[in-house]
PDB file of N, CA and C in Angstrom:
ATOM      1  N   UNK A   1     168.580  54.298 146.981  1.00  0.00           N
ATOM      2  CA  UNK A   1     167.522  54.042 147.934  1.00  0.00           C
ATOM      3  C   UNK A   1     167.733  52.712 148.668  1.00  0.00           C
ATOM      4  N   UNK A   2     168.261  51.720 147.970  1.00  0.00           N
ATOM      5  CA  UNK A   2     168.484  50.410 148.579  1.00  0.00           C
ATOM      6  C   UNK A   2     169.481  50.460 149.749  1.00  0.00           C
ATOM      7  N   UNK A   3     170.577  51.214 149.662  1.00  0.00           N
ATOM      8  CA  UNK A   3     171.480  51.272 150.824  1.00  0.00           C
ATOM      9  C   UNK A   3     170.821  51.879 152.062  1.00  0.00           C
ATOM     10  N   UNK A   4     169.926  52.853 151.867  1.00  0.00           N
ATOM     11  CA  UNK A   4     169.218  53.425 153.009  1.00  0.00           C
ATOM     12  C   UNK A   4     168.287  52.389 153.642  1.00  0.00           C
ATOM     13  N   UNK A   5     167.666  51.562 152.817  1.00  0.00           N
ATOM     14  CA  UNK A   5     166.819  50.491 153.345  1.00  0.00           C
ATOM     15  C   UNK A   5     167.646  49.472 154.122  1.00  0.00           C
ATOM     16  N   UNK A   6     168.846  49.189 153.627  1.00  0.00           N
ATOM     17  CA  UNK A   6     169.736  48.276 154.340  1.00  0.00           C
ATOM     18  C   UNK A   6     170.132  48.855 155.699  1.00  0.00           C
ATOM     19  N   UNK A   7     170.440  50.144 155.735  1.00  0.00           N
ATOM     20  CA  UNK A   7     170.787  50.780 157.007  1.00  0.00           C
ATOM     21  C   UNK A   7     169.601  50.728 157.968  1.00  0.00           C
ATOM     22  N   UNK A   8     168.399  50.965 157.453  1.00  0.00           N
ATOM     23  CA  UNK A   8     167.204  50.902 158.294  1.00  0.00           C
ATOM     24  C   UNK A   8     166.964  49.476 158.785  1.00  0.00           C
ATOM     25  N   UNK A   9     167.177  48.488 157.912  1.00  0.00           N
ATOM     26  CA  UNK A   9     167.005  47.089 158.303  1.00  0.00           C
ATOM     27  C   UNK A   9     168.006  46.703 159.397  1.00  0.00           C
ATOM     28  N   UNK A  10     169.245  47.132 159.254  1.00  0.00           N
ATOM     29  CA  UNK A  10     170.237  46.870 160.298  1.00  0.00           C
ATOM     30  C   UNK A  10     169.842  47.535 161.614  1.00  0.00           C
ATOM     31  N   UNK A  11     169.303  48.740 161.520  1.00  0.00           N
ATOM     32  CA  UNK A  11     168.852  49.452 162.711  1.00  0.00           C
ATOM     33  C   UNK A  11     167.733  48.685 163.409  1.00  0.00           C
ATOM     34  N   UNK A  12     166.775  48.187 162.638  1.00  0.00           N
ATOM     35  CA  UNK A  12     165.655  47.437 163.210  1.00  0.00           C
ATOM     36  C   UNK A  12     166.135  46.127 163.834  1.00  0.00           C
ATOM     37  N   UNK A  13     167.030  45.422 163.157  1.00  0.00           N
ATOM     38  CA  UNK A  13     167.557  44.160 163.697  1.00  0.00           C
ATOM     39  C   UNK A  13     168.321  44.416 164.996  1.00  0.00           C
ATOM     40  N   UNK A  14     169.126  45.468 165.028  1.00  0.00           N
ATOM     41  CA  UNK A  14     169.866  45.794 166.241  1.00  0.00           C
ATOM     42  C   UNK A  14     168.954  46.173 167.393  1.00  0.00           C
ATOM     43  N   UNK A  15     167.930  46.978 167.106  1.00  0.00           N
ATOM     44  CA  UNK A  15     166.975  47.347 168.153  1.00  0.00           C
ATOM     45  C   UNK A  15     166.221  46.129 168.669  1.00  0.00           C
ATOM     46  N   UNK A  16     165.842  45.229 167.766  1.00  0.00           N
ATOM     47  CA  UNK A  16     165.150  44.009 168.186  1.00  0.00           C
ATOM     48  C   UNK A  16     166.032  43.183 169.118  1.00  0.00           C
ATOM     49  N   UNK A  17     167.293  43.052 168.770  1.00  0.00           N
ATOM     50  CA  UNK A  17     168.198  42.257 169.603  1.00  0.00           C
ATOM     51  C   UNK A  17     168.390  42.894 170.972  1.00  0.00           C
ATOM     52  N   UNK A  18     168.440  44.211 171.031  1.00  0.00           N
ATOM     53  CA  UNK A  18     168.640  44.887 172.315  1.00  0.00           C
ATOM     54  C   UNK A  18     167.383  44.802 173.176  1.00  0.00           C
ATOM     55  N   UNK A  19     166.223  44.972 172.563  1.00  0.00           N
ATOM     56  CA  UNK A  19     164.982  45.052 173.333  1.00  0.00           C
ATOM     57  C   UNK A  19     164.409  43.673 173.656  1.00  0.00           C
ATOM     58  N   UNK A  20     164.428  42.751 172.719  1.00  0.00           N
ATOM     59  CA  UNK A  20     163.685  41.501 172.876  1.00  0.00           C
ATOM     60  C   UNK A  20     164.498  40.348 173.451  1.00  0.00           C
ATOM     61  N   UNK A  21     165.792  40.405 173.409  1.00  0.00           N
ATOM     62  CA  UNK A  21     166.601  39.265 173.851  1.00  0.00           C
ATOM     63  C   UNK A  21     166.917  39.367 175.341  1.00  0.00           C
ATOM     64  N   UNK A  22     167.082  38.211 175.969  1.00  0.00           N
ATOM     65  CA  UNK A  22     167.395  38.163 177.392  1.00  0.00           C
ATOM     66  C   UNK A  22     168.849  37.815 177.652  1.00  0.00           C
ATOM     67  N   UNK A  23     169.555  37.340 176.654  1.00  0.00           N
ATOM     68  CA  UNK A  23     170.946  36.942 176.807  1.00  0.00           C
ATOM     69  C   UNK A  23     171.841  38.173 176.654  1.00  0.00           C
ATOM     70  N   UNK A  24     172.771  38.344 177.569  1.00  0.00           N
ATOM     71  CA  UNK A  24     173.648  39.517 177.556  1.00  0.00           C
ATOM     72  C   UNK A  24     174.502  39.551 176.292  1.00  0.00           C
ATOM     73  N   UNK A  25     174.979  38.403 175.835  1.00  0.00           N
ATOM     74  CA  UNK A  25     175.814  38.355 174.633  1.00  0.00           C
ATOM     75  C   UNK A  25     175.008  38.793 173.413  1.00  0.00           C
ATOM     76  N   UNK A  26     173.760  38.353 173.320  1.00  0.00           N
ATOM     77  CA  UNK A  26     172.916  38.760 172.194  1.00  0.00           C
ATOM     78  C   UNK A  26     172.613  40.253 172.236  1.00  0.00           C
ATOM     79  N   UNK A  27     172.486  40.810 173.418  1.00  0.00           N
ATOM     80  CA  UNK A  27     172.281  42.256 173.549  1.00  0.00           C
ATOM     81  C   UNK A  27     173.527  43.005 173.084  1.00  0.00           C
ATOM     82  N   UNK A  28     174.699  42.499 173.421  1.00  0.00           N
ATOM     83  CA  UNK A  28     175.948  43.132 172.982  1.00  0.00           C
ATOM     84  C   UNK A  28     176.067  43.082 171.463  1.00  0.00           C
ATOM     85  N   UNK A  29     175.717  41.951 170.863  1.00  0.00           N
ATOM     86  CA  UNK A  29     175.746  41.841 169.398  1.00  0.00           C
ATOM     87  C   UNK A  29     174.743  42.817 168.784  1.00  0.00           C
ATOM     88  N   UNK A  30     173.579  42.976 169.402  1.00  0.00           N
ATOM     89  CA  UNK A  30     172.594  43.946 168.923  1.00  0.00           C
ATOM     90  C   UNK A  30     173.117  45.371 168.980  1.00  0.00           C
ATOM     91  N   UNK A  31     173.834  45.705 170.043  1.00  0.00           N
ATOM     92  CA  UNK A  31     174.440  47.038 170.133  1.00  0.00           C
ATOM     93  C   UNK A  31     175.486  47.247 169.045  1.00  0.00           C
ATOM     94  N   UNK A  32     176.257  46.217 168.750  1.00  0.00           N
ATOM     95  CA  UNK A  32     177.254  46.322 167.677  1.00  0.00           C
ATOM     96  C   UNK A  32     176.571  46.509 166.324  1.00  0.00           C
ATOM     97  N   UNK A  33     175.473  45.801 166.090  1.00  0.00           N
ATOM     98  CA  UNK A  33     174.739  45.964 164.831  1.00  0.00           C
ATOM     99  C   UNK A  33     174.166  47.375 164.729  1.00  0.00           C
ATOM    100  N   UNK A  34     173.669  47.914 165.832  1.00  0.00           N
ATOM    101  CA  UNK A  34     173.199  49.305 165.836  1.00  0.00           C
ATOM    102  C   UNK A  34     174.324  50.264 165.473  1.00  0.00           C
ATOM    103  N   UNK A  35     175.504  50.012 166.013  1.00  0.00           N
ATOM    104  CA  UNK A  35     176.662  50.849 165.707  1.00  0.00           C
ATOM    105  C   UNK A  35     176.992  50.799 164.219  1.00  0.00           C
ATOM    106  N   UNK A  36     176.956  49.600 163.634  1.00  0.00           N
ATOM    107  CA  UNK A  36     177.235  49.461 162.204  1.00  0.00           C
ATOM    108  C   UNK A  36     176.177  50.170 161.363  1.00  0.00           C
ATOM    109  N   UNK A  37     174.925  50.124 161.802  1.00  0.00           N
ATOM    110  CA  UNK A  37     173.853  50.790 161.059  1.00  0.00           C
ATOM    111  C   UNK A  37     174.050  52.300 161.052  1.00  0.00           C
ATOM    112  N   UNK A  38     174.435  52.851 162.179  1.00  0.00           N
ATOM    113  CA  UNK A  38     174.676  54.299 162.245  1.00  0.00           C
ATOM    114  C   UNK A  38     175.876  54.678 161.385  1.00  0.00           C
ATOM    115  N   UNK A  39     176.923  53.863 161.411  1.00  0.00           N
ATOM    116  CA  UNK A  39     178.093  54.135 160.569  1.00  0.00           C
ATOM    117  C   UNK A  39     177.728  54.099 159.091  1.00  0.00           C
ATOM    118  N   UNK A  40     176.945  53.111 158.691  1.00  0.00           N
ATOM    119  CA  UNK A  40     176.513  53.016 157.298  1.00  0.00           C
ATOM    120  C   UNK A  40     175.678  54.226 156.907  1.00  0.00           C
ATOM    121  N   UNK A  41     174.794  54.651 157.784  1.00  0.00           N
ATOM    122  CA  UNK A  41     173.966  55.821 157.491  1.00  0.00           C
ATOM    123  C   UNK A  41     174.816  57.082 157.346  1.00  0.00           C
ATOM    124  N   UNK A  42     175.826  57.242 158.183  1.00  0.00           N
ATOM    125  CA  UNK A  42     176.703  58.410 158.067  1.00  0.00           C
ATOM    126  C   UNK A  42     177.476  58.411 156.754  1.00  0.00           C
ATOM    127  N   UNK A  43     177.962  57.262 156.338  1.00  0.00           N
ATOM    128  CA  UNK A  43     178.676  57.186 155.062  1.00  0.00           C
ATOM    129  C   UNK A  43     177.727  57.490 153.909  1.00  0.00           C
ATOM    130  N   UNK A  44     176.505  56.993 153.981  1.00  0.00           N
ATOM    131  CA  UNK A  44     175.532  57.247 152.915  1.00  0.00           C
ATOM    132  C   UNK A  44     175.144  58.715 152.833  1.00  0.00           C
ATOM    133  N   UNK A  45     175.081  59.386 153.968  1.00  0.00           N
ATOM    134  CA  UNK A  45     174.747  60.814 153.964  1.00  0.00           C
ATOM    135  C   UNK A  45     175.850  61.616 153.283  1.00  0.00           C
ATOM    136  N   UNK A  46     177.101  61.208 153.458  1.00  0.00           N
ATOM    137  CA  UNK A  46     178.219  61.932 152.861  1.00  0.00           C
ATOM    138  C   UNK A  46     178.463  61.625 151.401  1.00  0.00           C
ATOM    139  N   UNK A  47     177.791  60.618 150.857  1.00  0.00           N
ATOM    140  CA  UNK A  47     178.004  60.246 149.455  1.00  0.00           C
ATOM    141  C   UNK A  47     177.299  61.233 148.539  1.00  0.00           C
ATOM    142  N   UNK A  48     177.998  61.632 147.499  1.00  0.00           N
ATOM    143  CA  UNK A  48     177.422  62.506 146.479  1.00  0.00           C
ATOM    144  C   UNK A  48     177.837  61.953 145.125  1.00  0.00           C
ATOM    145  N   UNK A  49     176.865  61.586 144.281  1.00  0.00           N
ATOM    146  CA  UNK A  49     177.245  61.036 142.974  1.00  0.00           C
ATOM    147  C   UNK A  49     177.934  62.081 142.104  1.00  0.00           C
ATOM    148  N   UNK A  50     178.941  61.655 141.402  1.00  0.00           N
ATOM    149  CA  UNK A  50     179.712  62.540 140.531  1.00  0.00           C
ATOM    150  C   UNK A  50     179.040  62.634 139.167  1.00  0.00           C
ATOM    151  N   UNK A  51     179.187  63.761 138.477  1.00  0.00           N
ATOM    152  CA  UNK A  51     178.644  63.855 137.119  1.00  0.00           C
ATOM    153  C   UNK A  51     179.269  62.839 136.165  1.00  0.00           C
ATOM    154  N   UNK A  52     180.496  62.415 136.449  1.00  0.00           N
ATOM    155  CA  UNK A  52     181.152  61.436 135.580  1.00  0.00           C
ATOM    156  C   UNK A  52     180.681  60.007 135.853  1.00  0.00           C
ATOM    157  N   UNK A  53     179.948  59.804 136.924  1.00  0.00           N
ATOM    158  CA  UNK A  53     179.411  58.484 137.219  1.00  0.00           C
ATOM    159  C   UNK A  53     180.022  57.817 138.430  1.00  0.00           C
ATOM    160  N   UNK A  54     181.321  57.954 138.624  1.00  0.00           N
ATOM    161  CA  UNK A  54     181.954  57.333 139.785  1.00  0.00           C
ATOM    162  C   UNK A  54     182.297  58.418 140.806  1.00  0.00           C
ATOM    163  N   UNK A  55     182.204  58.110 142.093  1.00  0.00           N
ATOM    164  CA  UNK A  55     182.515  59.119 143.104  1.00  0.00           C
ATOM    165  C   UNK A  55     183.996  59.479 143.094  1.00  0.00           C
ATOM    166  N   UNK A  56     184.274  60.720 143.461  1.00  0.00           N
ATOM    167  CA  UNK A  56     185.657  61.204 143.477  1.00  0.00           C
ATOM    168  C   UNK A  56     186.090  61.439 144.915  1.00  0.00           C
ATOM    169  N   UNK A  57     187.342  61.125 145.196  1.00  0.00           N
ATOM    170  CA  UNK A  57     187.900  61.394 146.517  1.00  0.00           C
ATOM    171  C   UNK A  57     188.182  62.888 146.639  1.00  0.00           C
ATOM    172  N   UNK A  58     187.946  63.476 147.811  1.00  0.00           N
ATOM    173  CA  UNK A  58     188.153  64.914 147.980  1.00  0.00           C
ATOM    174  C   UNK A  58     189.613  65.269 148.233  1.00  0.00           C
ATOM    175  N   UNK A  59     190.455  65.114 147.217  1.00  0.00           N
ATOM    176  CA  UNK A  59     191.881  65.417 147.338  1.00  0.00           C
ATOM    177  C   UNK A  59     192.156  66.705 146.576  1.00  0.00           C
ATOM    178  N   UNK A  60     192.602  67.729 147.289  1.00  0.00           N
ATOM    179  CA  UNK A  60     192.904  69.021 146.671  1.00  0.00           C
ATOM    180  C   UNK A  60     194.389  69.099 146.360  1.00  0.00           C
ATOM    181  N   UNK A  61     194.701  69.474 145.130  1.00  0.00           N
ATOM    182  CA  UNK A  61     196.104  69.621 144.750  1.00  0.00           C
ATOM    183  C   UNK A  61     196.459  71.068 144.451  1.00  0.00           C
ATOM    184  N   UNK A  62     195.577  71.806 143.782  1.00  0.00           N
ATOM    185  CA  UNK A  62     195.900  73.172 143.414  1.00  0.00           C
ATOM    186  C   UNK A  62     194.927  74.195 143.962  1.00  0.00           C
ATOM    187  N   UNK A  63     194.129  73.830 144.927  1.00  0.00           N
ATOM    188  CA  UNK A  63     193.143  74.742 145.478  1.00  0.00           C
ATOM    189  C   UNK A  63     191.768  74.473 144.885  1.00  0.00           C
ATOM    190  N   UNK A  64     190.755  74.904 145.585  1.00  0.00           N
ATOM    191  CA  UNK A  64     189.378  74.641 145.178  1.00  0.00           C
ATOM    192  C   UNK A  64     189.016  75.418 143.923  1.00  0.00           C
ATOM    193  N   UNK A  65     189.538  76.605 143.757  1.00  0.00           N
ATOM    194  CA  UNK A  65     189.169  77.441 142.609  1.00  0.00           C
ATOM    195  C   UNK A  65     189.635  76.841 141.288  1.00  0.00           C
ATOM    196  N   UNK A  66     190.685  76.037 141.307  1.00  0.00           N
ATOM    197  CA  UNK A  66     191.228  75.469 140.077  1.00  0.00           C
ATOM    198  C   UNK A  66     190.553  74.163 139.674  1.00  0.00           C
ATOM    199  N   UNK A  67     189.725  73.599 140.532  1.00  0.00           N
ATOM    200  CA  UNK A  67     189.124  72.298 140.242  1.00  0.00           C
ATOM    201  C   UNK A  67     187.614  72.328 140.473  1.00  0.00           C
ATOM    202  N   UNK A  68     186.853  72.912 139.547  1.00  0.00           N
ATOM    203  CA  UNK A  68     185.391  72.970 139.738  1.00  0.00           C
ATOM    204  C   UNK A  68     184.726  71.599 139.660  1.00  0.00           C
ATOM    205  N   UNK A  69     185.306  70.656 138.915  1.00  0.00           N
ATOM    206  CA  UNK A  69     184.723  69.310 138.845  1.00  0.00           C
ATOM    207  C   UNK A  69     184.830  68.607 140.193  1.00  0.00           C
ATOM    208  N   UNK A  70     185.908  68.891 140.913  1.00  0.00           N
ATOM    209  CA  UNK A  70     186.077  68.299 142.232  1.00  0.00           C
ATOM    210  C   UNK A  70     185.037  68.836 143.203  1.00  0.00           C
ATOM    211  N   UNK A  71     184.791  70.127 143.129  1.00  0.00           N
ATOM    212  CA  UNK A  71     183.797  70.735 144.010  1.00  0.00           C
ATOM    213  C   UNK A  71     182.409  70.183 143.716  1.00  0.00           C
ATOM    214  N   UNK A  72     182.100  69.938 142.453  1.00  0.00           N
ATOM    215  CA  UNK A  72     180.772  69.465 142.072  1.00  0.00           C
ATOM    216  C   UNK A  72     180.571  67.983 142.354  1.00  0.00           C
ATOM    217  N   UNK A  73     181.634  67.181 142.324  1.00  0.00           N
ATOM    218  CA  UNK A  73     181.432  65.745 142.391  1.00  0.00           C
ATOM    219  C   UNK A  73     182.126  64.997 143.496  1.00  0.00           C
ATOM    220  N   UNK A  74     182.870  65.673 144.353  1.00  0.00           N
ATOM    221  CA  UNK A  74     183.600  64.958 145.399  1.00  0.00           C
ATOM    222  C   UNK A  74     182.669  64.598 146.550  1.00  0.00           C
ATOM    223  N   UNK A  75     182.940  63.465 147.167  1.00  0.00           N
ATOM    224  CA  UNK A  75     182.165  63.071 148.338  1.00  0.00           C
ATOM    225  C   UNK A  75     182.574  63.939 149.521  1.00  0.00           C
ATOM    226  N   UNK A  76     181.699  64.023 150.507  1.00  0.00           N
ATOM    227  CA  UNK A  76     181.966  64.841 151.684  1.00  0.00           C
ATOM    228  C   UNK A  76     182.895  64.069 152.629  1.00  0.00           C
ATOM    229  N   UNK A  77     184.056  64.622 152.987  1.00  0.00           N
ATOM    230  CA  UNK A  77     184.989  63.871 153.835  1.00  0.00           C
ATOM    231  C   UNK A  77     184.626  63.887 155.321  1.00  0.00           C
ATOM    232  N   UNK A  78     183.780  64.810 155.754  1.00  0.00           N
ATOM    233  CA  UNK A  78     183.461  64.904 157.176  1.00  0.00           C
ATOM    234  C   UNK A  78     182.748  63.657 157.711  1.00  0.00           C
ATOM    235  N   UNK A  79     181.717  63.132 157.042  1.00  0.00           N
ATOM    236  CA  UNK A  79     181.109  61.893 157.557  1.00  0.00           C
ATOM    237  C   UNK A  79     182.082  60.716 157.595  1.00  0.00           C
ATOM    238  N   UNK A  80     183.019  60.673 156.664  1.00  0.00           N
ATOM    239  CA  UNK A  80     184.004  59.592 156.686  1.00  0.00           C
ATOM    240  C   UNK A  80     184.891  59.698 157.922  1.00  0.00           C
ATOM    241  N   UNK A  81     185.282  60.917 158.276  1.00  0.00           N
ATOM    242  CA  UNK A  81     186.083  61.112 159.485  1.00  0.00           C
ATOM    243  C   UNK A  81     185.268  60.777 160.734  1.00  0.00           C
ATOM    244  N   UNK A  82     183.989  61.146 160.735  1.00  0.00           N
ATOM    245  CA  UNK A  82     183.130  60.810 161.868  1.00  0.00           C
ATOM    246  C   UNK A  82     182.963  59.299 162.016  1.00  0.00           C
ATOM    247  N   UNK A  83     182.852  58.597 160.894  1.00  0.00           N
ATOM    248  CA  UNK A  83     182.693  57.143 160.944  1.00  0.00           C
ATOM    249  C   UNK A  83     183.962  56.489 161.478  1.00  0.00           C
ATOM    250  N   UNK A  84     185.120  56.969 161.076  1.00  0.00           N
ATOM    251  CA  UNK A  84     186.367  56.406 161.614  1.00  0.00           C
ATOM    252  C   UNK A  84     186.444  56.598 163.127  1.00  0.00           C
ATOM    253  N   UNK A  85     186.052  57.777 163.595  1.00  0.00           N
ATOM    254  CA  UNK A  85     186.022  58.025 165.031  1.00  0.00           C
ATOM    255  C   UNK A  85     184.988  57.138 165.709  1.00  0.00           C
ATOM    256  N   UNK A  86     183.838  56.989 165.077  1.00  0.00           N
ATOM    257  CA  UNK A  86     182.769  56.159 165.636  1.00  0.00           C
ATOM    258  C   UNK A  86     183.171  54.691 165.717  1.00  0.00           C
ATOM    259  N   UNK A  87     183.924  54.214 164.751  1.00  0.00           N
ATOM    260  CA  UNK A  87     184.383  52.822 164.779  1.00  0.00           C
ATOM    261  C   UNK A  87     185.291  52.590 165.985  1.00  0.00           C
ATOM    262  N   UNK A  88     186.193  53.518 166.239  1.00  0.00           N
ATOM    263  CA  UNK A  88     187.109  53.376 167.378  1.00  0.00           C
ATOM    264  C   UNK A  88     186.336  53.432 168.693  1.00  0.00           C
ATOM    265  N   UNK A  89     185.408  54.376 168.801  1.00  0.00           N
ATOM    266  CA  UNK A  89     184.615  54.492 170.024  1.00  0.00           C
ATOM    267  C   UNK A  89     183.731  53.258 170.203  1.00  0.00           C
ATOM    268  N   UNK A  90     183.119  52.788 169.122  1.00  0.00           N
ATOM    269  CA  UNK A  90     182.269  51.604 169.204  1.00  0.00           C
ATOM    270  C   UNK A  90     183.038  50.366 169.626  1.00  0.00           C
ATOM    271  N   UNK A  91     184.248  50.222 169.120  1.00  0.00           N
ATOM    272  CA  UNK A  91     185.076  49.080 169.504  1.00  0.00           C
ATOM    273  C   UNK A  91     185.433  49.129 170.985  1.00  0.00           C
ATOM    274  N   UNK A  92     185.782  50.310 171.480  1.00  0.00           N
ATOM    275  CA  UNK A  92     186.146  50.410 172.891  1.00  0.00           C
ATOM    276  C   UNK A  92     184.931  50.206 173.797  1.00  0.00           C
ATOM    277  N   UNK A  93     183.770  50.706 173.393  1.00  0.00           N
ATOM    278  CA  UNK A  93     182.556  50.480 174.185  1.00  0.00           C
ATOM    279  C   UNK A  93     182.183  49.003 174.179  1.00  0.00           C
ATOM    280  N   UNK A  94     182.312  48.353 173.034  1.00  0.00           N
ATOM    281  CA  UNK A  94     182.022  46.921 172.959  1.00  0.00           C
ATOM    282  C   UNK A  94     182.972  46.125 173.850  1.00  0.00           C
ATOM    283  N   UNK A  95     184.238  46.478 173.858  1.00  0.00           N
ATOM    284  CA  UNK A  95     185.199  45.792 174.727  1.00  0.00           C
ATOM    285  C   UNK A  95     184.843  46.001 176.197  1.00  0.00           C
ATOM    286  N   UNK A  96     184.417  47.204 176.551  1.00  0.00           N
ATOM    287  CA  UNK A  96     184.021  47.485 177.927  1.00  0.00           C
ATOM    288  C   UNK A  96     182.797  46.663 178.318  1.00  0.00           C
ATOM    289  N   UNK A  97     181.815  46.580 177.440  1.00  0.00           N
ATOM    290  CA  UNK A  97     180.590  45.839 177.744  1.00  0.00           C
ATOM    291  C   UNK A  97     180.867  44.337 177.803  1.00  0.00           C
ATOM    292  N   UNK A  98     181.760  43.839 176.958  1.00  0.00           N
ATOM    293  CA  UNK A  98     182.127  42.418 177.035  1.00  0.00           C
ATOM    294  C   UNK A  98     182.822  42.132 178.365  1.00  0.00           C
ATOM    295  N   UNK A  99     183.672  43.039 178.808  1.00  0.00           N
ATOM    296  CA  UNK A  99     184.297  42.877 180.122  1.00  0.00           C
ATOM    297  C   UNK A  99     183.269  42.874 181.241  1.00  0.00           C
ATOM    298  N   UNK A 100     182.272  43.735 181.133  1.00  0.00           N
ATOM    299  CA  UNK A 100     181.193  43.758 182.116  1.00  0.00           C
ATOM    300  C   UNK A 100     180.392  42.456 182.080  1.00  0.00           C
ATOM    301  N   UNK A 101     180.157  41.924 180.882  1.00  0.00           N
ATOM    302  CA  UNK A 101     179.430  40.657 180.755  1.00  0.00           C
ATOM    303  C   UNK A 101     180.217  39.512 181.389  1.00  0.00           C
ATOM    304  N   UNK A 102     181.526  39.530 181.244  1.00  0.00           N
ATOM    305  CA  UNK A 102     182.354  38.493 181.866  1.00  0.00           C
ATOM    306  C   UNK A 102     182.247  38.570 183.382  1.00  0.00           C
ATOM    307  N   UNK A 103     182.274  39.788 183.916  1.00  0.00           N
ATOM    308  CA  UNK A 103     182.130  39.957 185.368  1.00  0.00           C
ATOM    309  C   UNK A 103     180.750  39.501 185.853  1.00  0.00           C
ATOM    310  N   UNK A 104     179.711  39.791 185.069  1.00  0.00           N
ATOM    311  CA  UNK A 104     178.368  39.333 185.431  1.00  0.00           C
ATOM    312  C   UNK A 104     178.295  37.809 185.428  1.00  0.00           C
ATOM    313  N   UNK A 105     178.939  37.180 184.457  1.00  0.00           N
ATOM    314  CA  UNK A 105     178.940  35.718 184.405  1.00  0.00           C
ATOM    315  C   UNK A 105     179.697  35.128 185.594  1.00  0.00           C
ATOM    316  N   UNK A 106     180.800  35.770 185.976  1.00  0.00           N
ATOM    317  CA  UNK A 106     181.544  35.285 187.137  1.00  0.00           C
ATOM    318  C   UNK A 106     180.716  35.394 188.414  1.00  0.00           C
ATOM    319  N   UNK A 107     179.919  36.450 188.517  1.00  0.00           N
ATOM    320  CA  UNK A 107     179.133  36.663 189.731  1.00  0.00           C
ATOM    321  C   UNK A 107     177.878  35.797 189.767  1.00  0.00           C
ATOM    322  N   UNK A 108     177.139  35.727 188.642  1.00  0.00           N
ATOM    323  CA  UNK A 108     175.849  35.046 188.625  1.00  0.00           C
ATOM    324  C   UNK A 108     175.883  33.666 187.973  1.00  0.00           C
ATOM    325  N   UNK A 109     176.890  33.366 187.184  1.00  0.00           N
ATOM    326  CA  UNK A 109     176.980  32.067 186.540  1.00  0.00           C
ATOM    327  C   UNK A 109     176.062  31.892 185.343  1.00  0.00           C
ATOM    328  N   UNK A 110     175.542  32.981 184.817  1.00  0.00           N
ATOM    329  CA  UNK A 110     174.643  32.914 183.666  1.00  0.00           C
ATOM    330  C   UNK A 110     174.714  34.224 182.888  1.00  0.00           C
ATOM    331  N   UNK A 111     174.298  34.162 181.618  1.00  0.00           N
ATOM    332  CA  UNK A 111     174.173  35.366 180.804  1.00  0.00           C
ATOM    333  C   UNK A 111     172.717  35.801 180.671  1.00  0.00           C
ATOM    334  N   UNK A 112     171.792  35.046 181.254  1.00  0.00           N
ATOM    335  CA  UNK A 112     170.366  35.340 181.152  1.00  0.00           C
ATOM    336  C   UNK A 112     169.997  36.452 182.135  1.00  0.00           C
ATOM    337  N   UNK A 113     169.429  37.544 181.628  1.00  0.00           N
ATOM    338  CA  UNK A 113     169.117  38.690 182.482  1.00  0.00           C
ATOM    339  C   UNK A 113     167.981  38.389 183.454  1.00  0.00           C
ATOM    340  N   UNK A 114     167.021  37.554 183.071  1.00  0.00           N
ATOM    341  CA  UNK A 114     165.923  37.200 183.981  1.00  0.00           C
ATOM    342  C   UNK A 114     166.447  36.400 185.174  1.00  0.00           C
ATOM    343  N   UNK A 115     167.338  35.462 184.925  1.00  0.00           N
ATOM    344  CA  UNK A 115     167.903  34.689 186.035  1.00  0.00           C
ATOM    345  C   UNK A 115     168.765  35.570 186.930  1.00  0.00           C
ATOM    346  N   UNK A 116     169.432  36.572 186.347  1.00  0.00           N
ATOM    347  CA  UNK A 116     170.218  37.494 187.169  1.00  0.00           C
ATOM    348  C   UNK A 116     169.314  38.278 188.107  1.00  0.00           C
ATOM    349  N   UNK A 117     168.149  38.699 187.606  1.00  0.00           N
ATOM    350  CA  UNK A 117     167.201  39.428 188.459  1.00  0.00           C
ATOM    351  C   UNK A 117     166.684  38.530 189.581  1.00  0.00           C
ATOM    352  N   UNK A 118     166.405  37.264 189.277  1.00  0.00           N
ATOM    353  CA  UNK A 118     165.899  36.340 190.291  1.00  0.00           C
ATOM    354  C   UNK A 118     166.968  35.975 191.310  1.00  0.00           C
ATOM    355  N   UNK A 119     168.225  35.898 190.889  1.00  0.00           N
ATOM    356  CA  UNK A 119     169.305  35.547 191.801  1.00  0.00           C
ATOM    357  C   UNK A 119     169.692  36.703 192.712  1.00  0.00           C
ATOM    358  N   UNK A 120     169.271  37.906 192.353  1.00  0.00           N
ATOM    359  CA  UNK A 120     169.664  39.081 193.118  1.00  0.00           C
ATOM    360  C   UNK A 120     169.089  39.022 194.532  1.00  0.00           C
ATOM    361  N   UNK A 121     167.928  38.453 194.697  1.00  0.00           N
ATOM    362  CA  UNK A 121     167.372  38.316 196.028  1.00  0.00           C
ATOM    363  C   UNK A 121     166.055  38.918 196.076  1.00  0.00           C
TER     364      UNK A 121
END
């Protein structure tokens, strides 16, 4: 239950940074925290406790029919694959947004969104 609370706390902190902050860099950090919260939640959804106590990797050697303990206690590999894909996509989106923030700073001379609105005319 505690890891789910941590994921929810990260989600709330990320949303707060995106909604309440006026600095573009702080908004970007908030988006990254949101990304980490979603990744953590996906990993937690795929976790399944093993009857032996420790989680087992889903590695098949002789087929599913020969390993009933693996079927009963292995973690789900699909969320792990989704998280790896999400990490790559999140990194590229963050790089794109940082590039956009640099261009905004070059044009307006500030990272403050309120001053950007006032400078627009």
